[in-house]
Amino acid sequence: MLSDLGFFRPEGNVSDAPVQMHSSPEFVHTCDTQLHEIIDAIAAAVAFAQAGSNWLRAQPPDLEEVRQALNSISEAGKRASEIVVRLRALTDEGARGGFAGKGAPEELAV
């Protein structure tokens, strides 16, 4: 399980310090869109991993399909990390109040 490998922190370990977030409709919409993209990228990686596992079990194993699945997993992981970077920049900017009365900056918009 991924949580056993240290990829996810249990909820109790998350800082309890209050965090002030910007809540303009544009900011919330952009964050929501980014989160949906992250979920899509993670779901794609899981689907490719399951497919690769199935191709390895085939007799004989289809190593070319496995290679393609591993490449797709890598691409989905890169996509998810890029989205996290954009979301982190967005929340940092929002926490400083940079979106007051404005939409999301062009480079952060989806």
Protein backbone atom coordinates (compact mmCIF):
# COMPACT_ATOMS: atom_id res chain seq x y z
CA MET A 1 0.00 0.00 0.00
CA LEU A 2 1.30 3.48 -0.87
CA SER A 3 0.70 4.81 2.65
CA ASP A 4 3.04 2.09 3.98
CA LEU A 5 5.80 3.43 1.72
CA GLY A 6 5.47 6.93 3.15
CA PHE A 7 3.81 8.48 0.10
CA PHE A 8 0.81 9.66 2.11
CA ARG A 9 0.70 11.13 5.59
CA PRO A 10 -2.05 10.02 7.97
CA GLU A 11 -4.52 12.83 8.60
CA GLY A 12 -3.35 13.20 12.19
CA ASN A 13 0.13 14.28 11.05
CA VAL A 14 -1.07 17.26 9.05
CA SER A 15 -0.33 20.56 10.76
CA ASP A 16 -3.23 21.79 12.87
CA ALA A 17 -2.14 25.41 12.42
CA PRO A 18 -4.89 27.48 10.84
CA VAL A 19 -4.26 28.38 7.22
CA GLN A 20 -5.98 31.37 5.70
CA MET A 21 -6.96 30.68 2.12
CA HIS A 22 -8.33 33.02 -0.47
CA SER A 23 -11.93 32.16 -1.32
CA SER A 24 -12.84 34.22 -4.37
CA PRO A 25 -14.96 32.26 -6.86
CA GLU A 26 -12.17 32.39 -9.45
CA PHE A 27 -9.60 31.07 -6.98
CA VAL A 28 -11.87 28.26 -5.77
CA HIS A 29 -12.79 27.29 -9.35
CA THR A 30 -9.12 27.17 -10.41
CA CYS A 31 -8.17 25.05 -7.38
CA ASP A 32 -11.07 22.69 -8.02
CA THR A 33 -10.08 22.30 -11.66
CA GLN A 34 -6.46 21.57 -10.70
CA LEU A 35 -7.58 18.94 -8.17
CA HIS A 36 -9.69 17.19 -10.80
CA GLU A 37 -6.65 17.08 -13.09
CA ILE A 38 -4.55 15.52 -10.32
CA ILE A 39 -7.19 12.86 -9.72
CA ASP A 40 -7.34 12.10 -13.45
CA ALA A 41 -3.54 11.73 -13.66
CA ILE A 42 -3.43 9.43 -10.63
CA ALA A 43 -6.33 7.32 -11.95
CA ALA A 44 -4.53 6.99 -15.29
CA ALA A 45 -1.34 5.83 -13.56
CA VAL A 46 -3.28 3.20 -11.59
CA ALA A 47 -5.04 1.95 -14.73
CA PHE A 48 -1.73 1.67 -16.62
CA ALA A 49 -0.14 -0.16 -13.68
CA GLN A 50 -3.00 -2.67 -13.60
CA ALA A 51 -2.75 -3.18 -17.36
CA GLY A 52 1.02 -3.68 -17.15
CA SER A 53 0.55 -6.23 -14.40
CA ASN A 54 -1.94 -8.12 -16.58
CA TRP A 55 0.46 -8.09 -19.55
CA LEU A 56 3.22 -9.51 -17.37
CA ARG A 57 0.93 -12.40 -16.36
CA ALA A 58 0.21 -13.28 -20.00
CA GLN A 59 1.91 -16.34 -21.46
CA PRO A 60 4.26 -15.29 -22.95
CA PRO A 61 4.44 -11.86 -21.25
CA ASP A 62 3.91 -8.96 -23.64
CA LEU A 63 6.97 -6.93 -22.69
CA GLU A 64 6.36 -4.22 -25.30
CA GLU A 65 2.92 -3.52 -23.82
CA VAL A 66 4.47 -3.48 -20.33
CA ARG A 67 7.11 -0.99 -21.52
CA GLN A 68 4.39 1.25 -22.96
CA ALA A 69 2.40 1.01 -19.71
CA LEU A 70 5.46 1.98 -17.67
CA ASN A 71 6.09 4.97 -19.95
CA SER A 72 2.46 6.01 -19.54
CA ILE A 73 2.73 5.71 -15.75
CA SER A 74 5.81 7.92 -15.84
CA GLU A 75 4.01 10.53 -17.98
CA ALA A 76 0.96 10.49 -15.69
CA GLY A 77 3.23 10.97 -12.67
CA LYS A 78 4.98 13.90 -14.32
CA ARG A 79 1.62 15.42 -15.22
CA ALA A 80 0.39 15.08 -11.63
CA SER A 81 3.57 16.65 -10.22
CA GLU A 82 3.29 19.61 -12.64
CA ILE A 83 -0.29 20.15 -11.52
CA VAL A 84 0.78 20.06 -7.86
CA VAL A 85 3.46 22.69 -8.59
CA ARG A 86 0.84 24.92 -10.26
CA LEU A 87 -1.60 24.39 -7.40
CA ARG A 88 1.07 25.14 -4.81
CA ALA A 89 1.93 28.39 -6.62
CA LEU A 90 -1.75 29.23 -6.79
CA THR A 91 -2.35 28.64 -3.09
CA ASP A 92 0.82 30.56 -2.15
CA GLU A 93 -0.37 33.52 -4.23
CA GLY A 94 -3.89 33.24 -2.81
CA ALA A 95 -2.63 33.09 0.78
CA ARG A 96 -0.82 36.39 0.17
CA GLY A 97 -4.06 37.90 -1.12
CA GLY A 98 -2.80 38.22 -4.67
CA PHE A 99 -6.15 37.32 -6.23
CA ALA A 100 -8.29 39.95 -4.56
CA GLY A 101 -10.78 41.02 -7.20
CA LYS A 102 -8.87 39.27 -10.00
CA GLY A 103 -9.04 35.94 -11.79
CA ALA A 104 -6.24 33.40 -11.74
CA PRO A 105 -3.02 34.50 -13.43
CA GLU A 106 -2.60 33.32 -17.01
CA GLU A 107 0.26 30.93 -16.20
CA LEU A 108 -1.81 29.18 -13.53
CA ALA A 109 -5.07 29.02 -15.41
CA VAL A 110 -6.09 25.67 -16.80
